[in-house]
Amino acid sequence: MTDAVGRRRFLQTAAAAAASSLARIPRVDAVPAFDLVIRGASVVDGTGAPAFVADVAVNGDAIAAVGAIPAAQGRRVLEAEGLTLTPGFIDIHSHSDRSLLVYPTAESRVLQGITTELAGNCGSSAAPLEGAGRAAALRDWQEDGVTADWSGVASYCARVEKTGVAVNHALLVGQGTLRENAIGDVDRALAADEKAGLLRALEAALDEGAWGLSTGLEYTPGRFTPTEELVEMARVVARRGGLYASHVRNEEAALLEAVDEALAIGRRAGVRVQVSHLKAAGQPNWPKQEGALHLIESARRGGVEARADAYPYAAYSTGLTVLLEAWVLDGGRPAMLARLRDPAQRARIREELVRRLPRDPGDPSLIVVSSTRTDKNRAAVGRTLSEIAQGWKVGPEEALLRLLDEEEGSVGYIGHGMSPDNVERVLAHPLVMWSTDGYSYAPRGRAAEGRPHPRSYGAAARMLAHYCRERKLFDLPTAVKKMTALPADQIGLRDRGRIARGLKADLVLLDFARLRDQATFEAPQRSPAGVVHVLVNGQAVVTAGAHTGARAGRVLRRA
C-alpha cells in the first residue's frame, strides 16, 4: 500500500467517525429557541391592519418572532387556533395610583386584558406627598390601610416596585396635587416665590419619571387655577416632551368653552393635549357634543397635537362635592363642612343647588350614590338622590347636603347623564381612543363595600363586544388600535401597544365570539367572559380566565 493510498483511507475513516459523532448531536434548529410559542392565533397587531393568522414567540419579556414557528421551537406551546391575539390594552386614563397599593394583583384590570395604566389623572396624583397637602393625603392613605412612606415621584415608584404589582404602572403628576402642596386648597393667586416653587416641583416630578401633567379643573384646587398659571406649567411639560391631560373646567353647559381652554393651552405652550373622558353631561347639553369634537379637529388642523379619550358608558362617576359652587370648597374639607353646618350658609348653598341640579347634572333620579365614607349611610349606596330624599322626607338638595355633612364630604355618585348616541359618536371618532377612568380593584375589602362604576371591571370587553362586535361602530382592528397603539403613541410608550418583534410581550388572547362584559351598575364587580390568557412582560398573569397570582407588572418611567 502506497503512502498516498494509506493517507486517503485514513482520511475516509476519520470523516466517517466524525459524521457518526455529529449525528448524535441534536440539530441546532431542533433545540427550543423560545420560552413560549403561541400558535395559530388570529393576530390583531394594534396598527389597525387586518387580522392575520400567525405564530408569536416570546423570549423573556419580549416578542421574539412573528410568523410560522414550529412547535418544537418553544419550551412551552400555547395552541391558540380560533382565538384572537392582541397587544395588552393600555388605559390612558386611570386612577389606580389611588388603589394599586391596596390591590396590587389588580384583578379588575388584568382580568379584562389591561396590561398598562397611565394613572395620576384629573389633577390628583399619589405623588408628590409634601408641603401643605401632605397631612391630609397621609390620612386618606391610612384609611385605606396604606402607610404612605414616600415623598416624591421617585420614592413612590420605588414603593410600587417593592410591593410588586400585576399591571404596568405609569404616572402623570397632578396639577391639583402640586398646587395643594404649595399653598393648600385655597382660592387665591400664587405669589411669585410660590409659583417658582410649584414649577420646580413639576420639573422634579418629570425628571423622576412622570409622563406629564394632569388637571382636574372641575375639582379644587384646579377650579381656583387661572389659565395663565396652567400655560406656564404646560410649557415646562412641553420642554420635556410630556403630555398635558385635562379634565376640563366644565363638561356640562360650558363644555365648549372648557375644551377650547384646554386646546388654547396646548397651542400657547406647544404641548401635546389629551382631553380626558370627553362627554356632554346633562340632557340640555347633549347638542354640544358635536361642537366639542369639531374644536379638537380644528386644533389639529392648526398644529396642536390634540386627541381625546372616552369610556364606553353613558354614565359618569365622581363625588357630590363637584355639584357645589367654588366658594363652598375654598379652604378644603374642614372649611366646607363648617359652611354646611352654618344655617345661613347652608341655606345659600341649598338655593344654589335648586338652580343647578335640574341643569347639571339633571334630574336627581339620575344621581345614584356609589360610596360613602362610613357605615352610617351605607344603605344609601345604590339608591338615587330622589329615593334618599323621599325616605328622609326632605328635598333632594337637602338630602345631598345631609349626606356630605354626615360623611365628612366624601360621597361618590354615578350620574346617568350622557346620550347613548353621543357616546357612540365620540368613541367612533378617529381622534378619540378608549379609557376606563377606573381603578385597580379586587372584589374584597373596602372596594367591595361600595357600588363603583362598572367601567373598572368591564370597559375593555364592553368596547370590543358591545360597540365593536354588536353595534359595529368600528371593525376589530380599529377598536384594538384605539386600545393599544393610539394610547401608547399619545403617552410616549415606544415599546408597547403593538405586536412586533422586539416589543414587550404584553399580550391578550380572546375568545372574541364569547367575549362580553358582565359588570353592571347593580353588580359592578364582575370580570368579563372571553378573556382567556393575559401576559404581562412575558409572564402569565391570567391563564384560562383565572388570575395566576403573578405580579409581573413594572413601573414605567419617562426617560
Protein backbone atom coordinates (compact mmCIF):
# COMPACT_ATOMS: atom_id res chain seq x y z
CA MET A 1 0.00 0.00 0.00
CA THR A 2 1.45 3.27 -1.01
CA ASP A 3 1.66 6.20 1.37
CA ALA A 4 -0.92 8.08 -0.72
CA VAL A 5 -3.46 5.25 -0.55
CA GLY A 6 -2.96 4.89 3.21
CA ARG A 7 -3.44 8.60 3.76
CA ARG A 8 -6.66 8.55 1.73
CA ARG A 9 -8.09 5.60 3.70
CA PHE A 10 -7.18 7.27 6.99
CA LEU A 11 -8.98 10.45 5.98
CA GLN A 12 -12.04 8.50 4.88
CA THR A 13 -12.21 6.63 8.21
CA ALA A 14 -11.81 9.84 10.19
CA ALA A 15 -14.54 11.55 8.17
CA ALA A 16 -16.91 8.65 8.76
CA ALA A 17 -16.26 8.73 12.50
CA ALA A 18 -16.83 12.48 12.61
CA ALA A 19 -20.09 12.13 10.72
CA SER A 20 -21.28 9.45 13.14
CA SER A 21 -20.42 11.68 16.09
CA LEU A 22 -22.23 14.68 14.61
CA ALA A 23 -25.31 12.57 14.03
CA ARG A 24 -25.59 12.02 17.76
CA ILE A 25 -25.61 15.81 18.45
CA PRO A 26 -29.11 17.38 18.25
CA ARG A 27 -29.63 19.70 15.34
CA VAL A 28 -29.46 23.35 16.34
CA ASP A 29 -32.86 24.07 14.86
CA ALA A 30 -34.37 21.26 16.95
CA VAL A 31 -33.34 22.87 20.24
CA PRO A 32 -36.17 25.04 21.64
CA ALA A 33 -35.27 28.62 20.82
CA PHE A 34 -38.15 30.40 22.55
CA ASP A 35 -39.63 30.41 26.03
CA LEU A 36 -43.15 30.36 24.61
CA VAL A 37 -44.77 29.91 21.22
CA ILE A 38 -48.39 30.98 20.76
CA ARG A 39 -49.55 29.02 17.72
CA GLY A 40 -52.24 29.69 15.17
CA ALA A 41 -53.94 32.76 16.63
CA SER A 42 -55.73 35.40 14.61
CA VAL A 43 -53.33 38.29 15.25
CA VAL A 44 -54.71 41.82 15.52
CA ASP A 45 -51.43 43.64 15.90
CA GLY A 46 -52.57 47.08 17.11
CA THR A 47 -51.67 49.02 13.99
CA GLY A 48 -55.17 48.94 12.54
CA ALA A 49 -54.11 46.47 9.83
CA PRO A 50 -56.37 43.49 9.05
CA ALA A 51 -56.04 40.39 11.22
CA PHE A 52 -53.72 37.60 10.07
CA VAL A 53 -53.08 34.07 11.28
CA ALA A 54 -49.60 33.62 12.69
CA ASP A 55 -47.50 32.20 15.47
CA VAL A 56 -45.93 34.55 18.01
CA ALA A 57 -42.84 33.65 20.02
CA VAL A 58 -41.81 35.14 23.35
CA ASN A 59 -38.40 35.19 24.98
CA GLY A 60 -38.12 36.67 28.42
CA ASP A 61 -40.18 39.87 28.48
CA ALA A 62 -40.19 40.50 24.72
CA ILE A 63 -41.76 39.30 21.50
CA ALA A 64 -39.04 37.32 19.72
CA ALA A 65 -40.70 36.40 16.42
CA VAL A 66 -43.95 36.64 14.47
CA GLY A 67 -44.63 34.22 11.62
CA ALA A 68 -44.63 30.47 11.05
CA ILE A 69 -42.83 28.93 14.02
CA PRO A 70 -42.52 25.14 14.56
CA ALA A 71 -43.94 23.92 17.86
CA ALA A 72 -40.58 22.32 18.62
CA GLN A 73 -39.06 25.78 18.85
CA GLY A 74 -40.99 26.56 22.02
CA ARG A 75 -40.16 25.38 25.52
CA ARG A 76 -43.85 25.93 26.11
CA VAL A 77 -46.51 25.94 23.42
CA LEU A 78 -49.92 27.56 23.65
CA GLU A 79 -52.30 26.34 20.98
CA ALA A 80 -54.44 29.34 20.06
CA GLU A 81 -56.32 28.33 16.93
CA GLY A 82 -59.71 30.06 16.94
CA LEU A 83 -58.57 32.72 19.43
CA THR A 84 -57.69 36.38 18.80
CA LEU A 85 -54.30 37.68 19.92
CA THR A 86 -53.96 41.41 20.61
CA PRO A 87 -51.45 43.65 22.36
CA GLY A 88 -52.23 44.24 26.02
CA PHE A 89 -54.76 47.03 26.44
CA ILE A 90 -53.40 50.40 27.56
CA ASP A 91 -55.65 52.55 29.73
CA ILE A 92 -54.64 56.18 29.20
CA HIS A 93 -56.97 57.47 31.91
CA SER A 94 -56.73 55.54 35.17
CA HIS A 95 -56.81 56.45 38.85
CA SER A 96 -55.02 53.34 40.04
CA ASP A 97 -52.31 55.26 41.84
CA ARG A 98 -55.02 55.64 44.50
CA SER A 99 -55.74 51.90 44.73
CA LEU A 100 -52.91 49.79 43.33
CA LEU A 101 -51.01 49.59 46.62
CA VAL A 102 -54.22 48.33 48.26
CA TYR A 103 -54.98 45.83 45.48
CA PRO A 104 -51.60 45.05 43.84
CA THR A 105 -52.91 42.00 41.99
CA ALA A 106 -55.21 44.38 40.10
CA GLU A 107 -57.90 41.83 39.27
CA SER A 108 -60.23 44.46 37.82
CA ARG A 109 -57.55 45.37 35.31
CA VAL A 110 -55.77 42.22 34.15
CA LEU A 111 -58.87 40.02 34.02
CA GLN A 112 -60.18 42.31 31.26
CA GLY A 113 -56.84 42.40 29.43
CA ILE A 114 -55.46 45.73 30.65
CA THR A 115 -51.69 45.41 30.98
CA THR A 116 -50.65 49.09 31.27
CA GLU A 117 -52.26 52.05 33.02
CA LEU A 118 -51.47 55.75 32.97
CA ALA A 119 -52.55 56.94 36.42
CA GLY A 120 -52.46 60.29 38.23
CA ASN A 121 -55.29 61.78 36.20
CA CYS A 122 -57.82 64.57 36.88
CA GLY A 123 -55.25 66.73 38.64
CA SER A 124 -54.68 64.31 41.53
CA SER A 125 -51.67 62.01 41.88
CA ALA A 126 -50.27 59.82 44.63
CA ALA A 127 -47.01 61.76 44.47
CA PRO A 128 -45.52 64.07 45.41
CA LEU A 129 -46.61 63.99 49.06
CA GLU A 130 -45.14 67.07 50.63
CA GLY A 131 -45.86 70.57 51.85
CA ALA A 132 -49.34 71.78 52.75
CA GLY A 133 -51.10 68.81 51.15
CA ARG A 134 -49.13 66.05 52.88
CA ALA A 135 -51.04 65.68 56.14
CA ALA A 136 -54.47 65.25 54.52
CA ALA A 137 -53.09 62.80 51.95
CA LEU A 138 -51.46 60.69 54.67
CA ARG A 139 -54.80 60.43 56.50
CA ASP A 140 -56.56 59.31 53.31
CA TRP A 141 -53.94 56.64 52.68
CA GLN A 142 -54.15 55.47 56.29
CA GLU A 143 -57.90 54.93 55.88
CA ASP A 144 -57.06 52.54 53.06
CA GLY A 145 -54.60 50.67 55.24
CA VAL A 146 -51.50 52.00 53.49
CA THR A 147 -48.61 53.71 55.24
CA ALA A 148 -47.54 56.34 52.71
CA ASP A 149 -43.77 56.27 53.17
CA TRP A 150 -42.87 58.17 50.00
CA SER A 151 -42.45 61.85 49.18
CA GLY A 152 -41.64 62.43 45.50
CA VAL A 153 -42.36 60.53 42.30
CA ALA A 154 -39.11 58.56 42.57
CA SER A 155 -39.82 57.21 46.04
CA TYR A 156 -43.46 56.49 45.12
CA CYS A 157 -42.31 54.46 42.12
CA ALA A 158 -39.83 52.62 44.32
CA ARG A 159 -42.66 51.76 46.73
CA VAL A 160 -44.79 50.35 43.90
CA GLU A 161 -41.83 48.25 42.72
CA LYS A 162 -41.16 46.98 46.24
CA THR A 163 -44.82 45.99 46.62
CA GLY A 164 -44.94 44.22 43.26
CA VAL A 165 -47.97 44.74 41.04
CA ALA A 166 -49.71 42.78 38.29
CA VAL A 167 -50.06 45.63 35.78
CA ASN A 168 -47.57 48.08 34.27
CA HIS A 169 -47.89 51.42 36.04
CA ALA A 170 -47.09 54.86 34.62
CA LEU A 171 -47.82 58.15 36.33
CA LEU A 172 -48.87 61.68 35.48
CA VAL A 173 -48.29 64.31 38.13
CA GLY A 174 -51.45 66.10 39.25
CA GLN A 175 -51.65 69.87 38.91
CA GLY A 176 -54.07 69.98 41.85
CA THR A 177 -51.68 67.92 43.95
CA LEU A 178 -48.80 70.29 43.20
CA ARG A 179 -50.89 73.39 43.95
CA GLU A 180 -52.28 71.97 47.17
CA ASN A 181 -48.76 71.03 48.25
CA ALA A 182 -47.70 74.61 47.54
CA ILE A 183 -50.44 76.64 49.28
CA GLY A 184 -53.26 74.32 50.34
CA ASP A 185 -56.77 74.02 48.94
CA VAL A 186 -57.46 77.75 48.79
CA ASP A 187 -58.79 80.16 46.17
CA ARG A 188 -56.09 82.74 45.62
CA ALA A 189 -53.33 83.62 43.19
CA LEU A 190 -49.82 82.31 43.76
CA ALA A 191 -47.14 84.71 44.89
CA ALA A 192 -44.03 84.85 42.72
CA ASP A 193 -41.98 82.64 45.02
CA GLU A 194 -44.85 80.15 45.37
CA LYS A 195 -45.19 79.87 41.60
CA ALA A 196 -41.45 79.36 41.24
CA GLY A 197 -41.60 76.57 43.80
CA LEU A 198 -44.57 74.99 42.02
CA LEU A 199 -42.70 74.93 38.72
CA ARG A 200 -39.62 73.44 40.41
CA ALA A 201 -41.80 70.71 41.91
CA LEU A 202 -43.24 69.97 38.46
CA GLU A 203 -39.76 69.78 36.94
CA ALA A 204 -38.64 67.41 39.69
CA ALA A 205 -41.64 65.12 39.11
CA LEU A 206 -40.92 64.98 35.39
CA ASP A 207 -37.22 64.37 36.00
CA GLU A 208 -38.15 61.47 38.30
CA GLY A 209 -40.20 59.74 35.61
CA ALA A 210 -43.68 61.28 35.41
CA TRP A 211 -45.07 61.23 31.87
CA GLY A 212 -46.68 64.65 32.02
CA LEU A 213 -49.21 66.79 33.86
CA SER A 214 -52.91 66.23 34.51
CA THR A 215 -55.56 68.74 35.52
CA GLY A 216 -58.92 68.37 37.20
CA LEU A 217 -60.38 71.80 36.63
CA GLU A 218 -63.86 70.88 37.92
CA TYR A 219 -62.28 69.98 41.26
CA THR A 220 -60.40 72.03 43.81
CA PRO A 221 -57.78 73.42 43.69
CA GLY A 222 -57.98 73.12 39.89
CA ARG A 223 -61.09 75.31 39.96
CA PHE A 224 -59.04 78.04 41.61
CA THR A 225 -56.28 77.97 38.97
CA PRO A 226 -56.18 80.68 36.28
CA THR A 227 -55.41 79.73 32.70
CA GLU A 228 -52.14 81.65 32.70
CA GLU A 229 -50.77 79.51 35.51
CA LEU A 230 -51.69 76.36 33.57
CA VAL A 231 -49.89 77.68 30.47
CA GLU A 232 -46.69 78.20 32.46
CA MET A 233 -46.87 74.65 33.79
CA ALA A 234 -47.68 73.24 30.36
CA ARG A 235 -44.58 74.93 28.92
CA VAL A 236 -42.43 73.01 31.40
CA VAL A 237 -44.12 69.78 30.26
CA ALA A 238 -43.64 70.68 26.58
CA ARG A 239 -39.89 71.23 27.01
CA ARG A 240 -39.62 67.65 28.25
CA GLY A 241 -41.87 66.16 25.58
CA GLY A 242 -44.58 65.21 28.07
CA LEU A 243 -48.36 65.01 27.89
CA TYR A 244 -50.91 67.56 29.13
CA ALA A 245 -54.07 65.60 30.06
CA SER A 246 -57.02 67.74 31.09
CA HIS A 247 -60.26 67.03 32.85
CA VAL A 248 -61.58 70.30 31.54
CA ARG A 249 -63.24 73.03 33.59
CA ASN A 250 -66.79 72.10 32.69
CA GLU A 251 -68.42 69.10 30.99
CA GLU A 252 -71.95 70.46 31.00
CA ALA A 253 -73.27 73.89 29.99
CA ALA A 254 -69.81 75.41 29.43
CA LEU A 255 -68.32 72.36 27.69
CA LEU A 256 -67.26 74.19 24.53
CA GLU A 257 -65.52 76.98 26.44
CA ALA A 258 -63.75 74.41 28.63
CA VAL A 259 -62.48 72.31 25.70
CA ASP A 260 -61.39 75.49 23.95
CA GLU A 261 -59.34 76.45 27.03
CA ALA A 262 -57.50 73.10 27.01
CA LEU A 263 -56.72 73.45 23.31
CA ALA A 264 -55.59 77.07 23.76
CA ILE A 265 -53.18 75.92 26.47
CA GLY A 266 -51.82 73.36 24.03
CA ARG A 267 -51.42 75.99 21.34
CA ARG A 268 -49.70 78.54 23.59
CA ALA A 269 -47.44 76.03 25.35
CA GLY A 270 -46.67 73.82 22.36
CA VAL A 271 -47.66 70.77 24.39
CA ARG A 272 -49.40 67.53 23.39
CA VAL A 273 -53.02 67.66 24.68
CA GLN A 274 -55.31 64.89 25.83
CA VAL A 275 -58.91 65.92 26.55
CA SER A 276 -59.90 63.45 29.26
CA HIS A 277 -63.14 61.41 29.17
CA LEU A 278 -64.79 63.68 26.60
CA LYS A 279 -68.54 64.00 27.14
CA ALA A 280 -71.52 66.32 27.25
CA ALA A 281 -73.32 65.63 30.53
CA GLY A 282 -76.92 66.66 31.20
CA GLN A 283 -79.61 66.38 28.53
CA PRO A 284 -79.77 70.16 27.82
CA ASN A 285 -76.08 69.96 26.89
CA TRP A 286 -76.15 66.97 24.58
CA PRO A 287 -76.20 69.12 21.40
CA LYS A 288 -72.77 70.50 22.38
CA GLN A 289 -71.03 67.15 21.83
CA GLU A 290 -70.52 67.57 18.09
CA GLY A 291 -69.11 71.05 18.63
CA ALA A 292 -66.53 69.74 21.10
CA LEU A 293 -65.30 67.24 18.51
CA HIS A 294 -65.11 69.99 15.89
CA LEU A 295 -62.96 72.08 18.23
CA ILE A 296 -60.45 69.24 18.56
CA GLU A 297 -60.44 68.67 14.79
CA SER A 298 -59.82 72.37 14.19
CA ALA A 299 -56.99 72.47 16.73
CA ARG A 300 -55.33 69.52 14.99
CA ARG A 301 -55.53 71.32 11.66
CA GLY A 302 -53.93 74.32 13.37
CA GLY A 303 -50.95 72.29 14.56
CA VAL A 304 -51.98 71.31 18.10
CA GLU A 305 -51.27 67.64 18.85
CA ALA A 306 -54.68 67.13 20.41
CA ARG A 307 -56.66 63.96 20.99
CA ALA A 308 -59.31 62.78 23.43
CA ASP A 309 -60.35 59.64 25.26
CA ALA A 310 -63.73 58.30 26.34
CA TYR A 311 -65.06 55.37 28.32
CA PRO A 312 -67.75 53.16 26.75
CA TYR A 313 -70.67 54.06 29.02
CA ALA A 314 -73.42 56.68 29.15
CA ALA A 315 -72.88 57.34 32.86
CA TYR A 316 -70.02 59.07 34.64
CA SER A 317 -68.80 58.82 38.23
CA THR A 318 -67.48 61.47 40.59
CA GLY A 319 -68.12 62.94 44.06
CA LEU A 320 -71.07 65.01 45.24
CA THR A 321 -68.83 67.97 46.08
CA VAL A 322 -68.45 68.64 42.35
CA LEU A 323 -72.04 69.97 42.45
CA LEU A 324 -71.14 72.71 44.94
CA GLU A 325 -70.00 76.18 43.96
CA ALA A 326 -66.31 77.03 44.30
CA TRP A 327 -66.76 79.36 47.29
CA VAL A 328 -68.16 76.49 49.36
CA LEU A 329 -64.98 74.46 48.82
CA ASP A 330 -62.46 77.24 49.43
CA GLY A 331 -60.16 76.18 52.26
CA GLY A 332 -60.60 72.44 51.87
CA ARG A 333 -62.76 69.88 53.63
CA PRO A 334 -62.82 71.45 57.13
CA ALA A 335 -63.92 74.84 55.75
CA MET A 336 -66.57 73.21 53.56
CA LEU A 337 -68.02 71.26 56.49
CA ALA A 338 -68.10 74.40 58.63
CA ARG A 339 -70.16 76.14 55.92
CA LEU A 340 -72.54 73.19 55.65
CA ARG A 341 -73.10 73.37 59.40
CA ASP A 342 -73.77 77.11 59.48
CA PRO A 343 -77.55 77.64 58.96
CA ALA A 344 -77.25 80.83 56.90
CA GLN A 345 -74.56 79.48 54.61
CA ARG A 346 -76.32 76.13 54.28
CA ALA A 347 -79.45 77.95 53.12
CA ARG A 348 -77.43 79.78 50.45
CA ILE A 349 -75.82 76.53 49.29
CA ARG A 350 -79.23 74.85 49.11
CA GLU A 351 -80.62 77.62 46.92
CA GLU A 352 -77.66 77.32 44.57
CA LEU A 353 -78.34 73.59 44.25
CA VAL A 354 -82.02 74.26 43.50
CA ARG A 355 -80.89 76.25 40.47
CA ARG A 356 -78.13 73.86 39.40
CA LEU A 357 -79.44 70.33 39.82
CA PRO A 358 -82.09 70.44 37.07
CA ARG A 359 -79.46 71.69 34.62
CA ASP A 360 -76.19 69.98 35.66
CA PRO A 361 -76.30 67.03 36.05
CA GLY A 362 -80.08 66.85 35.66
CA ASP A 363 -82.91 65.05 37.42
CA PRO A 364 -81.93 63.83 40.94
CA SER A 365 -83.30 60.43 39.92
CA LEU A 366 -80.21 60.15 37.68
CA ILE A 367 -77.79 60.57 40.62
CA VAL A 368 -77.01 57.21 42.26
CA VAL A 369 -74.84 57.09 45.39
CA SER A 370 -71.92 54.72 44.82
CA SER A 371 -69.88 55.03 48.03
CA THR A 372 -69.86 56.58 51.48
CA ARG A 373 -67.02 57.23 53.89
CA THR A 374 -68.63 55.50 56.89
CA ASP A 375 -71.17 52.80 57.65
CA LYS A 376 -73.75 55.33 58.84
CA ASN A 377 -75.21 55.88 55.37
CA ARG A 378 -74.16 52.60 53.75
CA ALA A 379 -77.84 51.92 53.00
CA ALA A 380 -77.77 54.91 50.62
CA VAL A 381 -75.35 53.10 48.29
CA GLY A 382 -77.17 52.05 45.14
CA ARG A 383 -80.09 54.43 45.73
CA THR A 384 -80.89 57.59 43.79
CA LEU A 385 -80.81 61.01 45.38
CA SER A 386 -84.58 61.20 44.82
CA GLU A 387 -85.14 57.92 46.68
CA ILE A 388 -82.93 59.01 49.56
CA ALA A 389 -84.75 62.36 49.79
CA GLN A 390 -88.13 60.64 49.83
CA GLY A 391 -87.00 58.31 52.61
CA TRP A 392 -85.75 61.22 54.67
CA LYS A 393 -88.81 63.37 53.80
CA VAL A 394 -86.65 66.26 52.57
CA GLY A 395 -85.89 67.81 49.19
CA PRO A 396 -83.08 66.34 47.05
CA GLU A 397 -80.89 69.38 47.71
CA GLU A 398 -81.14 68.92 51.47
CA ALA A 399 -80.52 65.17 51.08
CA LEU A 400 -77.32 65.95 49.20
CA LEU A 401 -76.14 68.36 51.89
CA ARG A 402 -77.02 65.95 54.69
CA LEU A 403 -75.03 63.16 53.03
CA LEU A 404 -71.99 65.39 52.62
CA ASP A 405 -72.29 66.63 56.21
CA GLU A 406 -72.63 63.19 57.78
CA GLU A 407 -69.96 61.59 55.54
CA GLU A 408 -67.34 64.31 56.10
CA GLY A 409 -67.60 65.44 52.48
CA SER A 410 -66.81 62.07 50.91
CA VAL A 411 -69.75 60.64 48.92
CA GLY A 412 -69.31 59.11 45.48
CA TYR A 413 -72.04 59.02 42.89
CA ILE A 414 -72.79 57.75 39.40
CA GLY A 415 -74.57 60.17 37.10
CA HIS A 416 -76.62 58.75 34.23
CA GLY A 417 -76.17 61.92 32.25
CA MET A 418 -74.90 61.24 28.72
CA SER A 419 -76.66 60.49 25.46
CA PRO A 420 -76.03 56.94 24.17
CA ASP A 421 -75.85 58.36 20.65
CA ASN A 422 -73.18 60.82 21.75
CA VAL A 423 -71.18 58.06 23.40
CA GLU A 424 -71.12 56.21 20.09
CA ARG A 425 -70.29 59.38 18.18
CA VAL A 426 -67.31 60.09 20.43
CA LEU A 427 -65.97 56.53 20.60
CA ALA A 428 -66.08 56.16 16.82
CA HIS A 429 -64.22 59.41 16.13
CA PRO A 430 -60.70 58.87 14.72
CA LEU A 431 -59.16 61.33 17.21
CA VAL A 432 -60.62 59.51 20.22
CA MET A 433 -59.14 56.50 21.98
CA TRP A 434 -60.69 54.45 24.75
CA SER A 435 -60.15 54.77 28.50
CA THR A 436 -61.74 53.45 31.69
CA ASP A 437 -61.48 56.33 34.20
CA GLY A 438 -61.35 53.40 36.63
CA TYR A 439 -59.25 51.80 39.34
CA SER A 440 -57.25 48.68 40.08
CA TYR A 441 -59.65 46.87 42.37
CA ALA A 442 -60.47 43.43 43.64
CA PRO A 443 -63.90 42.34 44.92
CA ARG A 444 -62.87 42.36 48.58
CA GLY A 445 -62.14 44.78 51.39
CA ARG A 446 -63.33 48.39 51.17
CA ALA A 447 -63.75 48.13 47.39
CA ALA A 448 -66.45 45.51 47.92
CA GLU A 449 -68.42 47.77 50.27
CA GLY A 450 -69.38 50.30 47.59
CA ARG A 451 -71.02 50.03 44.23
CA PRO A 452 -68.41 51.51 41.86
CA HIS A 453 -68.92 52.28 38.22
CA PRO A 454 -68.69 49.02 36.20
CA ARG A 455 -66.01 50.57 33.95
CA SER A 456 -63.28 49.46 36.37
CA TYR A 457 -64.08 45.82 35.59
CA GLY A 458 -65.81 45.81 32.22
CA ALA A 459 -64.69 48.67 29.95
CA ALA A 460 -62.43 46.64 27.65
CA ALA A 461 -64.96 43.90 26.98
CA ARG A 462 -67.73 46.46 26.51
CA MET A 463 -65.65 48.34 23.96
CA LEU A 464 -64.93 45.19 21.95
CA ALA A 465 -68.08 43.13 22.42
CA HIS A 466 -70.83 45.74 22.56
CA TYR A 467 -69.53 48.63 20.49
CA CYS A 468 -67.37 46.69 18.01
CA ARG A 469 -68.99 43.27 17.56
CA GLU A 470 -72.63 44.17 18.24
CA ARG A 471 -73.04 47.86 17.44
CA LYS A 472 -70.40 47.73 14.67
CA LEU A 473 -69.11 51.24 15.34
CA PHE A 474 -65.72 50.11 14.04
CA ASP A 475 -64.04 46.93 12.92
CA LEU A 476 -61.92 44.90 15.31
CA PRO A 477 -58.52 46.17 14.11
CA THR A 478 -59.70 49.77 14.60
CA ALA A 479 -61.08 49.02 18.06
CA VAL A 480 -57.85 47.34 19.12
CA LYS A 481 -55.80 50.25 17.78
CA LYS A 482 -57.86 52.64 19.92
CA MET A 483 -56.99 50.47 22.92
CA THR A 484 -53.30 49.84 22.22
CA ALA A 485 -51.19 51.73 19.69
CA LEU A 486 -53.07 55.04 19.92
CA PRO A 487 -52.71 55.42 23.69
CA ALA A 488 -49.12 54.11 23.54
CA ASP A 489 -48.21 56.78 21.00
CA GLN A 490 -50.03 59.53 22.88
CA ILE A 491 -48.31 58.67 26.16
CA GLY A 492 -44.92 58.10 24.52
CA LEU A 493 -44.56 54.36 25.16
CA ARG A 494 -42.34 53.17 22.34
CA ASP A 495 -42.02 49.51 23.30
CA ARG A 496 -45.68 48.60 23.86
CA GLY A 497 -49.03 48.75 22.11
CA ARG A 498 -48.22 46.61 19.06
CA ILE A 499 -47.35 43.02 18.26
CA ALA A 500 -43.94 43.12 16.61
CA ARG A 501 -40.53 41.60 17.15
CA GLY A 502 -38.57 43.32 19.89
CA LEU A 503 -41.54 44.95 21.65
CA LYS A 504 -42.60 43.95 25.14
CA ALA A 505 -44.69 40.82 25.43
CA ASP A 506 -47.87 42.34 26.86
CA LEU A 507 -50.41 40.11 25.11
CA VAL A 508 -54.09 39.15 25.37
CA LEU A 509 -55.76 36.05 23.95
CA LEU A 510 -59.50 36.50 23.49
CA ASP A 511 -62.35 34.22 22.56
CA PHE A 512 -63.91 37.07 20.60
CA ALA A 513 -67.20 35.32 19.88
CA ARG A 514 -67.71 34.65 23.60
CA LEU A 515 -66.36 37.98 24.85
CA ARG A 516 -68.82 40.08 26.88
CA ASP A 517 -68.76 42.44 29.81
CA GLN A 518 -70.54 41.10 32.89
CA ALA A 519 -70.12 44.11 35.19
CA THR A 520 -73.35 46.06 35.59
CA PHE A 521 -74.35 49.11 37.61
CA GLU A 522 -76.19 46.80 40.00
CA ALA A 523 -73.34 44.23 40.20
CA PRO A 524 -70.21 46.09 39.05
CA GLN A 525 -67.51 43.77 40.41
CA ARG A 526 -67.75 41.05 37.79
CA SER A 527 -64.93 40.34 35.37
CA PRO A 528 -65.73 39.72 31.70
CA ALA A 529 -66.16 36.41 29.92
CA GLY A 530 -63.95 35.52 26.97
CA VAL A 531 -60.57 36.88 28.18
CA VAL A 532 -58.62 33.62 28.08
CA HIS A 533 -54.93 34.40 28.66
CA VAL A 534 -53.03 37.59 29.55
CA LEU A 535 -49.27 38.03 29.53
CA VAL A 536 -47.55 40.99 31.18
CA ASN A 537 -43.88 41.34 30.29
CA GLY A 538 -43.91 37.76 29.04
CA GLN A 539 -45.35 36.26 32.24
CA ALA A 540 -48.76 34.63 32.51
CA VAL A 541 -50.92 36.78 34.77
CA VAL A 542 -54.21 35.27 33.55
CA THR A 543 -54.49 31.65 32.44
CA ALA A 544 -57.75 30.07 31.29
CA GLY A 545 -59.61 33.14 32.56
CA ALA A 546 -58.20 32.96 36.10
CA HIS A 547 -55.62 35.16 37.81
CA THR A 548 -52.36 33.28 38.38
CA GLY A 549 -51.30 35.49 41.26
CA ALA A 550 -48.28 36.73 39.31
CA ARG A 551 -47.19 40.33 39.83
CA ALA A 552 -45.38 40.79 36.55
CA GLY A 553 -46.06 44.50 36.08
CA ARG A 554 -43.39 47.17 36.08
CA VAL A 555 -43.19 50.83 36.88
CA LEU A 556 -42.74 52.67 33.59
CA ARG A 557 -40.74 55.87 33.91
CA ARG A 558 -40.40 58.52 31.24
CA ALA A 559 -36.78 58.62 30.16
